[in-house]
Amino acid sequence: MNESLPNFSIKHWSEADRPREKLMERGKKSLTDAELMAILIGSGSRNESAVSLCKRILASVDNNLNQLTKLGISQLTGFKGIGEAKAITIVAALELGRRQQAQEIHVQPIITASIDVFRYMQPLLGDLQHEEFWVLFLDNSNKILHRKMMSLGGQTGTTIDIKLIFKTALEYSAIAIILSHNHPSGKLTPSNSDKQSTKNIITAGETLDIKILDHVIVTEKNYFSFADKGLL
């Protein structure tokens, strides 16, 4: 007669190993990434605890949470013990974290250098698998009046509507603008299309006396500034 396999749901763990109780008693910062994920999924498989399962998932991305956000539902469900519902829970939690990080940016920061643009836009663009083109609209003190995604594309490009950019600039009485988009490939070198579209936007801005201060290409860990490289 076969012995029944152990049940690895959190409620059957020893009290010292339960991440929910640990969070309540010691605070959220006392938990490891795997323990926090284990709370989300609630249980592992019939022969693996939730924490062990989450450690295995994290190990697959070198324990890098930024890389974890890139795993989709189909990739997560490839791990034994992760069904669609658990995968959706993980994806939703990571997206909330990304949005919270983006909202930590000050409401009206002042841009003093290209690094400020990178720090402002990286939480929005750094880990995307498609291209997005954003514009920052500034006053005469280089304070951001408004930011707006102007175009959403695929993995290799996006179409830009120049008229819409300057329509928005006029609506917010912007004195200057900064362009920014991401390269999902991680390559920082601007394409010929990037260079040409930047020139076209600069030319359009001259007629309205709205200056283009920079065009910053964002990747997960680095950036390329047209202004810093003398390409404006």
C-alpha atoms as a PDB file:
ATOM      1  CA  MET A   1       0.000   0.000   0.000  1.00  0.00           C
ATOM      2  CA  ASN A   2       1.431   3.360  -1.056  1.00  0.00           C
ATOM      3  CA  GLU A   3       1.829   6.036   1.560  1.00  0.00           C
ATOM      4  CA  SER A   4       0.063   9.276   0.768  1.00  0.00           C
ATOM      5  CA  LEU A   5       2.312  12.073  -0.387  1.00  0.00           C
ATOM      6  CA  PRO A   6       2.765  15.036   1.970  1.00  0.00           C
ATOM      7  CA  ASN A   7       0.649  18.137   1.551  1.00  0.00           C
ATOM      8  CA  PHE A   8       2.871  21.163   1.012  1.00  0.00           C
ATOM      9  CA  SER A   9       0.301  23.952   1.381  1.00  0.00           C
ATOM     10  CA  ILE A  10       1.490  26.714   3.693  1.00  0.00           C
ATOM     11  CA  LYS A  11      -1.012  25.903   6.441  1.00  0.00           C
ATOM     12  CA  HIS A  12       0.643  22.487   6.903  1.00  0.00           C
ATOM     13  CA  TRP A  13       4.159  23.853   7.369  1.00  0.00           C
ATOM     14  CA  SER A  14       5.806  24.197  10.761  1.00  0.00           C
ATOM     15  CA  GLU A  15       4.929  27.538  12.315  1.00  0.00           C
ATOM     16  CA  ALA A  16       8.537  28.770  12.078  1.00  0.00           C
ATOM     17  CA  ASP A  17       8.539  28.220   8.297  1.00  0.00           C
ATOM     18  CA  ARG A  18       5.254  29.921   7.451  1.00  0.00           C
ATOM     19  CA  PRO A  19       5.967  33.146   5.540  1.00  0.00           C
ATOM     20  CA  ARG A  20       2.569  34.654   6.381  1.00  0.00           C
ATOM     21  CA  GLU A  21       3.195  34.311  10.093  1.00  0.00           C
ATOM     22  CA  LYS A  22       6.777  35.460   9.626  1.00  0.00           C
ATOM     23  CA  LEU A  23       5.536  38.600   7.881  1.00  0.00           C
ATOM     24  CA  MET A  24       3.071  39.356  10.670  1.00  0.00           C
ATOM     25  CA  GLU A  25       5.576  38.742  13.452  1.00  0.00           C
ATOM     26  CA  ARG A  26       8.765  40.181  11.938  1.00  0.00           C
ATOM     27  CA  GLY A  27       7.561  42.506   9.181  1.00  0.00           C
ATOM     28  CA  LYS A  28       7.618  42.308   5.399  1.00  0.00           C
ATOM     29  CA  LYS A  29      11.322  43.145   5.092  1.00  0.00           C
ATOM     30  CA  SER A  30      12.265  39.950   6.938  1.00  0.00           C
ATOM     31  CA  LEU A  31      10.987  37.766   4.085  1.00  0.00           C
ATOM     32  CA  THR A  32      13.085  36.601   1.162  1.00  0.00           C
ATOM     33  CA  ASP A  33      11.879  37.088  -2.410  1.00  0.00           C
ATOM     34  CA  ALA A  34      10.975  33.395  -2.548  1.00  0.00           C
ATOM     35  CA  GLU A  35       8.935  33.647   0.658  1.00  0.00           C
ATOM     36  CA  LEU A  36       7.035  36.670  -0.654  1.00  0.00           C
ATOM     37  CA  MET A  37       6.261  34.792  -3.875  1.00  0.00           C
ATOM     38  CA  ALA A  38       5.197  31.748  -1.842  1.00  0.00           C
ATOM     39  CA  ILE A  39       2.546  33.852  -0.102  1.00  0.00           C
ATOM     40  CA  LEU A  40       1.201  34.806  -3.529  1.00  0.00           C
ATOM     41  CA  ILE A  41       0.875  31.258  -4.845  1.00  0.00           C
ATOM     42  CA  GLY A  42      -0.193  29.683  -1.516  1.00  0.00           C
ATOM     43  CA  SER A  43       1.051  26.170  -2.197  1.00  0.00           C
ATOM     44  CA  GLY A  44       3.536  24.220  -4.254  1.00  0.00           C
ATOM     45  CA  SER A  45       3.124  20.836  -5.858  1.00  0.00           C
ATOM     46  CA  ARG A  46       2.476  17.523  -4.112  1.00  0.00           C
ATOM     47  CA  ASN A  47       6.193  16.988  -3.559  1.00  0.00           C
ATOM     48  CA  GLU A  48       7.610  20.513  -3.404  1.00  0.00           C
ATOM     49  CA  SER A  49       6.872  23.398  -1.054  1.00  0.00           C
ATOM     50  CA  ALA A  50       5.822  26.792  -2.350  1.00  0.00           C
ATOM     51  CA  VAL A  51       9.068  28.375  -1.144  1.00  0.00           C
ATOM     52  CA  SER A  52      11.163  25.698  -2.854  1.00  0.00           C
ATOM     53  CA  LEU A  53       9.175  26.106  -6.049  1.00  0.00           C
ATOM     54  CA  CYS A  54       9.604  29.892  -5.936  1.00  0.00           C
ATOM     55  CA  LYS A  55      13.337  29.510  -5.302  1.00  0.00           C
ATOM     56  CA  ARG A  56      13.511  27.395  -8.439  1.00  0.00           C
ATOM     57  CA  ILE A  57      11.632  29.996 -10.491  1.00  0.00           C
ATOM     58  CA  LEU A  58      13.887  32.779  -9.205  1.00  0.00           C
ATOM     59  CA  ALA A  59      16.994  30.708  -9.908  1.00  0.00           C
ATOM     60  CA  SER A  60      15.911  30.417 -13.544  1.00  0.00           C
ATOM     61  CA  VAL A  61      16.310  34.208 -13.871  1.00  0.00           C
ATOM     62  CA  ASP A  62      19.464  34.413 -11.711  1.00  0.00           C
ATOM     63  CA  ASN A  63      17.372  35.798  -8.831  1.00  0.00           C
ATOM     64  CA  ASN A  64      16.848  39.001 -10.818  1.00  0.00           C
ATOM     65  CA  LEU A  65      13.385  40.462 -10.240  1.00  0.00           C
ATOM     66  CA  ASN A  66      13.659  42.621 -13.358  1.00  0.00           C
ATOM     67  CA  GLN A  67      14.165  39.456 -15.399  1.00  0.00           C
ATOM     68  CA  LEU A  68      11.289  37.788 -13.546  1.00  0.00           C
ATOM     69  CA  THR A  69       8.918  40.490 -14.803  1.00  0.00           C
ATOM     70  CA  LYS A  70       9.703  39.381 -18.349  1.00  0.00           C
ATOM     71  CA  LEU A  71       8.309  35.879 -17.800  1.00  0.00           C
ATOM     72  CA  GLY A  72       4.850  35.496 -19.250  1.00  0.00           C
ATOM     73  CA  ILE A  73       2.042  33.217 -18.170  1.00  0.00           C
ATOM     74  CA  SER A  74       3.058  30.455 -20.580  1.00  0.00           C
ATOM     75  CA  GLN A  75       6.646  30.492 -19.264  1.00  0.00           C
ATOM     76  CA  LEU A  76       5.563  30.437 -15.617  1.00  0.00           C
ATOM     77  CA  THR A  77       3.152  27.565 -16.154  1.00  0.00           C
ATOM     78  CA  GLY A  78       6.107  25.587 -17.490  1.00  0.00           C
ATOM     79  CA  PHE A  79       7.169  25.089 -13.866  1.00  0.00           C
ATOM     80  CA  LYS A  80       5.510  22.104 -12.241  1.00  0.00           C
ATOM     81  CA  GLY A  81       3.184  23.373  -9.537  1.00  0.00           C
ATOM     82  CA  ILE A  82       2.377  26.659 -11.304  1.00  0.00           C
ATOM     83  CA  GLY A  83      -0.998  26.620 -12.963  1.00  0.00           C
ATOM     84  CA  GLU A  84      -2.613  29.440 -14.884  1.00  0.00           C
ATOM     85  CA  ALA A  85      -4.202  31.027 -11.790  1.00  0.00           C
ATOM     86  CA  LYS A  86      -0.885  31.136  -9.903  1.00  0.00           C
ATOM     87  CA  ALA A  87       0.937  32.459 -12.965  1.00  0.00           C
ATOM     88  CA  ILE A  88      -1.624  35.239 -13.357  1.00  0.00           C
ATOM     89  CA  THR A  89      -1.227  36.130  -9.672  1.00  0.00           C
ATOM     90  CA  ILE A  90       2.560  36.426 -10.041  1.00  0.00           C
ATOM     91  CA  VAL A  91       2.311  38.512 -13.230  1.00  0.00           C
ATOM     92  CA  ALA A  92      -0.286  40.830 -11.653  1.00  0.00           C
ATOM     93  CA  ALA A  93       1.798  41.326  -8.497  1.00  0.00           C
ATOM     94  CA  LEU A  94       4.920  42.161 -10.501  1.00  0.00           C
ATOM     95  CA  GLU A  95       2.979  44.640 -12.628  1.00  0.00           C
ATOM     96  CA  LEU A  96       1.669  46.372  -9.501  1.00  0.00           C
ATOM     97  CA  GLY A  97       5.248  46.627  -8.266  1.00  0.00           C
ATOM     98  CA  ARG A  98       6.345  48.154 -11.567  1.00  0.00           C
ATOM     99  CA  ARG A  99       3.538  50.718 -11.446  1.00  0.00           C
ATOM    100  CA  GLN A 100       4.313  51.585  -7.834  1.00  0.00           C
ATOM    101  CA  GLN A 101       7.957  52.147  -8.762  1.00  0.00           C
ATOM    102  CA  ALA A 102       6.900  54.437 -11.579  1.00  0.00           C
ATOM    103  CA  GLN A 103       4.664  56.460  -9.256  1.00  0.00           C
ATOM    104  CA  GLU A 104       7.522  57.029  -6.815  1.00  0.00           C
ATOM    105  CA  ILE A 105       8.878  59.577  -9.268  1.00  0.00           C
ATOM    106  CA  HIS A 106       8.232  63.119  -8.077  1.00  0.00           C
ATOM    107  CA  VAL A 107       5.163  64.715  -9.581  1.00  0.00           C
ATOM    108  CA  GLN A 108       7.047  67.588 -11.213  1.00  0.00           C
ATOM    109  CA  PRO A 109      10.768  66.821 -11.341  1.00  0.00           C
ATOM    110  CA  ILE A 110      13.234  69.205 -12.965  1.00  0.00           C
ATOM    111  CA  ILE A 111      15.415  67.778 -15.726  1.00  0.00           C
ATOM    112  CA  THR A 112      19.022  68.939 -15.412  1.00  0.00           C
ATOM    113  CA  ALA A 113      20.818  66.199 -17.373  1.00  0.00           C
ATOM    114  CA  SER A 114      20.197  63.129 -19.502  1.00  0.00           C
ATOM    115  CA  ILE A 115      20.599  60.873 -16.456  1.00  0.00           C
ATOM    116  CA  ASP A 116      17.494  62.518 -14.979  1.00  0.00           C
ATOM    117  CA  VAL A 117      15.522  61.461 -18.054  1.00  0.00           C
ATOM    118  CA  PHE A 118      16.798  57.902 -17.748  1.00  0.00           C
ATOM    119  CA  ARG A 119      15.878  57.682 -14.062  1.00  0.00           C
ATOM    120  CA  TYR A 120      12.440  59.106 -14.814  1.00  0.00           C
ATOM    121  CA  MET A 121      11.670  56.871 -17.789  1.00  0.00           C
ATOM    122  CA  GLN A 122      13.453  53.606 -16.942  1.00  0.00           C
ATOM    123  CA  PRO A 123      10.709  52.333 -14.592  1.00  0.00           C
ATOM    124  CA  LEU A 124       8.230  52.809 -17.445  1.00  0.00           C
ATOM    125  CA  LEU A 125      10.289  51.536 -20.364  1.00  0.00           C
ATOM    126  CA  GLY A 126      13.229  49.499 -19.093  1.00  0.00           C
ATOM    127  CA  ASP A 127      11.740  45.997 -19.136  1.00  0.00           C
ATOM    128  CA  LEU A 128       9.203  46.264 -21.953  1.00  0.00           C
ATOM    129  CA  GLN A 129       9.313  43.740 -24.800  1.00  0.00           C
ATOM    130  CA  HIS A 130       7.862  46.237 -27.293  1.00  0.00           C
ATOM    131  CA  GLU A 131       8.777  49.815 -28.222  1.00  0.00           C
ATOM    132  CA  GLU A 132       7.005  52.821 -26.782  1.00  0.00           C
ATOM    133  CA  PHE A 133       7.687  56.456 -27.703  1.00  0.00           C
ATOM    134  CA  TRP A 134       7.134  59.035 -24.958  1.00  0.00           C
ATOM    135  CA  VAL A 135       7.475  62.802 -24.775  1.00  0.00           C
ATOM    136  CA  LEU A 136       8.196  64.956 -21.715  1.00  0.00           C
ATOM    137  CA  PHE A 137       6.738  68.455 -21.912  1.00  0.00           C
ATOM    138  CA  LEU A 138       8.727  71.101 -19.997  1.00  0.00           C
ATOM    139  CA  ASP A 139       8.331  74.685 -18.824  1.00  0.00           C
ATOM    140  CA  ASN A 140      11.064  77.343 -19.013  1.00  0.00           C
ATOM    141  CA  SER A 141      12.670  75.940 -15.831  1.00  0.00           C
ATOM    142  CA  ASN A 142      12.885  72.448 -17.334  1.00  0.00           C
ATOM    143  CA  LYS A 143      10.218  71.256 -14.929  1.00  0.00           C
ATOM    144  CA  ILE A 144       8.059  68.479 -16.343  1.00  0.00           C
ATOM    145  CA  LEU A 145       4.540  69.713 -16.995  1.00  0.00           C
ATOM    146  CA  HIS A 146       3.271  66.483 -18.473  1.00  0.00           C
ATOM    147  CA  ARG A 147       4.455  63.172 -19.885  1.00  0.00           C
ATOM    148  CA  LYS A 148       2.630  61.197 -22.536  1.00  0.00           C
ATOM    149  CA  MET A 149       3.080  58.020 -24.545  1.00  0.00           C
ATOM    150  CA  MET A 150       2.748  59.132 -28.151  1.00  0.00           C
ATOM    151  CA  SER A 151       3.153  55.788 -29.871  1.00  0.00           C
ATOM    152  CA  LEU A 152       3.195  52.050 -29.141  1.00  0.00           C
ATOM    153  CA  GLY A 153       4.883  49.656 -31.519  1.00  0.00           C
ATOM    154  CA  GLY A 154       6.429  46.237 -31.861  1.00  0.00           C
ATOM    155  CA  GLN A 155       9.859  44.893 -30.958  1.00  0.00           C
ATOM    156  CA  THR A 156      11.729  46.848 -33.627  1.00  0.00           C
ATOM    157  CA  GLY A 157       9.955  50.158 -34.087  1.00  0.00           C
ATOM    158  CA  THR A 158       7.018  52.470 -33.644  1.00  0.00           C
ATOM    159  CA  THR A 159       5.322  55.142 -35.748  1.00  0.00           C
ATOM    160  CA  ILE A 160       5.430  58.744 -34.529  1.00  0.00           C
ATOM    161  CA  ASP A 161       2.731  61.363 -35.204  1.00  0.00           C
ATOM    162  CA  ILE A 162       4.599  64.690 -35.098  1.00  0.00           C
ATOM    163  CA  LYS A 163       1.410  66.739 -35.267  1.00  0.00           C
ATOM    164  CA  LEU A 164       0.094  65.053 -32.114  1.00  0.00           C
ATOM    165  CA  ILE A 165       3.341  65.801 -30.258  1.00  0.00           C
ATOM    166  CA  PHE A 166       3.105  69.545 -30.853  1.00  0.00           C
ATOM    167  CA  LYS A 167      -0.660  69.636 -30.348  1.00  0.00           C
ATOM    168  CA  THR A 168      -0.022  68.285 -26.853  1.00  0.00           C
ATOM    169  CA  ALA A 169       2.889  70.700 -26.331  1.00  0.00           C
ATOM    170  CA  LEU A 170       0.614  73.655 -27.111  1.00  0.00           C
ATOM    171  CA  GLU A 171      -2.116  72.328 -24.822  1.00  0.00           C
ATOM    172  CA  TYR A 172       0.329  72.379 -21.882  1.00  0.00           C
ATOM    173  CA  SER A 173       2.099  75.580 -22.959  1.00  0.00           C
ATOM    174  CA  ALA A 174       5.376  73.690 -23.081  1.00  0.00           C
ATOM    175  CA  ILE A 175       8.525  75.663 -23.868  1.00  0.00           C
ATOM    176  CA  ALA A 176      10.595  72.577 -24.646  1.00  0.00           C
ATOM    177  CA  ILE A 177      10.206  68.837 -25.009  1.00  0.00           C
ATOM    178  CA  ILE A 178      12.335  65.733 -24.485  1.00  0.00           C
ATOM    179  CA  LEU A 179      11.822  62.615 -26.582  1.00  0.00           C
ATOM    180  CA  SER A 180      12.324  59.142 -25.190  1.00  0.00           C
ATOM    181  CA  HIS A 181      11.802  55.606 -26.392  1.00  0.00           C
ATOM    182  CA  ASN A 182      13.081  52.157 -25.521  1.00  0.00           C
ATOM    183  CA  HIS A 183      15.009  49.478 -27.372  1.00  0.00           C
ATOM    184  CA  PRO A 184      13.788  46.034 -26.212  1.00  0.00           C
ATOM    185  CA  SER A 185      16.867  44.494 -27.840  1.00  0.00           C
ATOM    186  CA  GLY A 186      19.081  46.233 -25.277  1.00  0.00           C
ATOM    187  CA  LYS A 187      21.137  47.881 -28.024  1.00  0.00           C
ATOM    188  CA  LEU A 188      21.730  51.574 -27.425  1.00  0.00           C
ATOM    189  CA  THR A 189      22.815  52.645 -30.904  1.00  0.00           C
ATOM    190  CA  PRO A 190      20.123  54.808 -32.550  1.00  0.00           C
ATOM    191  CA  SER A 191      18.791  53.526 -35.849  1.00  0.00           C
ATOM    192  CA  ASN A 192      18.659  55.627 -39.002  1.00  0.00           C
ATOM    193  CA  SER A 193      14.920  55.885 -38.382  1.00  0.00           C
ATOM    194  CA  ASP A 194      15.572  57.222 -34.860  1.00  0.00           C
ATOM    195  CA  LYS A 195      17.918  59.873 -36.263  1.00  0.00           C
ATOM    196  CA  GLN A 196      15.579  60.913 -39.062  1.00  0.00           C
ATOM    197  CA  SER A 197      12.480  61.142 -36.887  1.00  0.00           C
ATOM    198  CA  THR A 198      14.437  63.255 -34.391  1.00  0.00           C
ATOM    199  CA  LYS A 199      15.486  65.656 -37.165  1.00  0.00           C
ATOM    200  CA  ASN A 200      11.891  65.886 -38.386  1.00  0.00           C
ATOM    201  CA  ILE A 201      10.630  66.714 -34.887  1.00  0.00           C
ATOM    202  CA  ILE A 202      13.366  69.339 -34.393  1.00  0.00           C
ATOM    203  CA  THR A 203      12.395  70.992 -37.702  1.00  0.00           C
ATOM    204  CA  ALA A 204       8.711  71.041 -36.730  1.00  0.00           C
ATOM    205  CA  GLY A 205       9.572  72.493 -33.321  1.00  0.00           C
ATOM    206  CA  GLU A 206      11.509  75.369 -34.865  1.00  0.00           C
ATOM    207  CA  THR A 207       8.385  76.711 -36.556  1.00  0.00           C
ATOM    208  CA  LEU A 208       6.570  76.796 -33.186  1.00  0.00           C
ATOM    209  CA  ASP A 209       9.607  77.967 -31.177  1.00  0.00           C
ATOM    210  CA  ILE A 210       9.504  74.762 -29.113  1.00  0.00           C
ATOM    211  CA  LYS A 211      12.979  73.347 -28.535  1.00  0.00           C
ATOM    212  CA  ILE A 212      13.834  69.657 -28.472  1.00  0.00           C
ATOM    213  CA  LEU A 213      16.321  69.338 -25.608  1.00  0.00           C
ATOM    214  CA  ASP A 214      17.163  65.667 -25.984  1.00  0.00           C
ATOM    215  CA  HIS A 215      16.151  62.276 -27.298  1.00  0.00           C
ATOM    216  CA  VAL A 216      16.972  59.527 -24.803  1.00  0.00           C
ATOM    217  CA  ILE A 217      16.943  55.851 -25.759  1.00  0.00           C
ATOM    218  CA  VAL A 218      16.273  53.682 -22.715  1.00  0.00           C
ATOM    219  CA  THR A 219      17.192  50.064 -22.059  1.00  0.00           C
ATOM    220  CA  GLU A 220      16.934  48.055 -18.858  1.00  0.00           C
ATOM    221  CA  LYS A 221      20.295  49.177 -17.468  1.00  0.00           C
ATOM    222  CA  ASN A 222      21.590  52.037 -19.608  1.00  0.00           C
ATOM    223  CA  TYR A 223      20.678  54.847 -21.960  1.00  0.00           C
ATOM    224  CA  PHE A 224      21.797  56.822 -25.003  1.00  0.00           C
ATOM    225  CA  SER A 225      21.425  60.607 -25.150  1.00  0.00           C
ATOM    226  CA  PHE A 226      21.316  62.421 -28.509  1.00  0.00           C
ATOM    227  CA  ALA A 227      22.260  65.653 -26.717  1.00  0.00           C
ATOM    228  CA  ASP A 228      25.262  64.136 -24.955  1.00  0.00           C
ATOM    229  CA  LYS A 229      26.527  62.708 -28.246  1.00  0.00           C
ATOM    230  CA  GLY A 230      26.043  65.991 -30.138  1.00  0.00           C
ATOM    231  CA  LEU A 231      23.338  64.590 -32.439  1.00  0.00           C
ATOM    232  CA  LEU A 232      20.769  67.374 -31.974  1.00  0.00           C
END
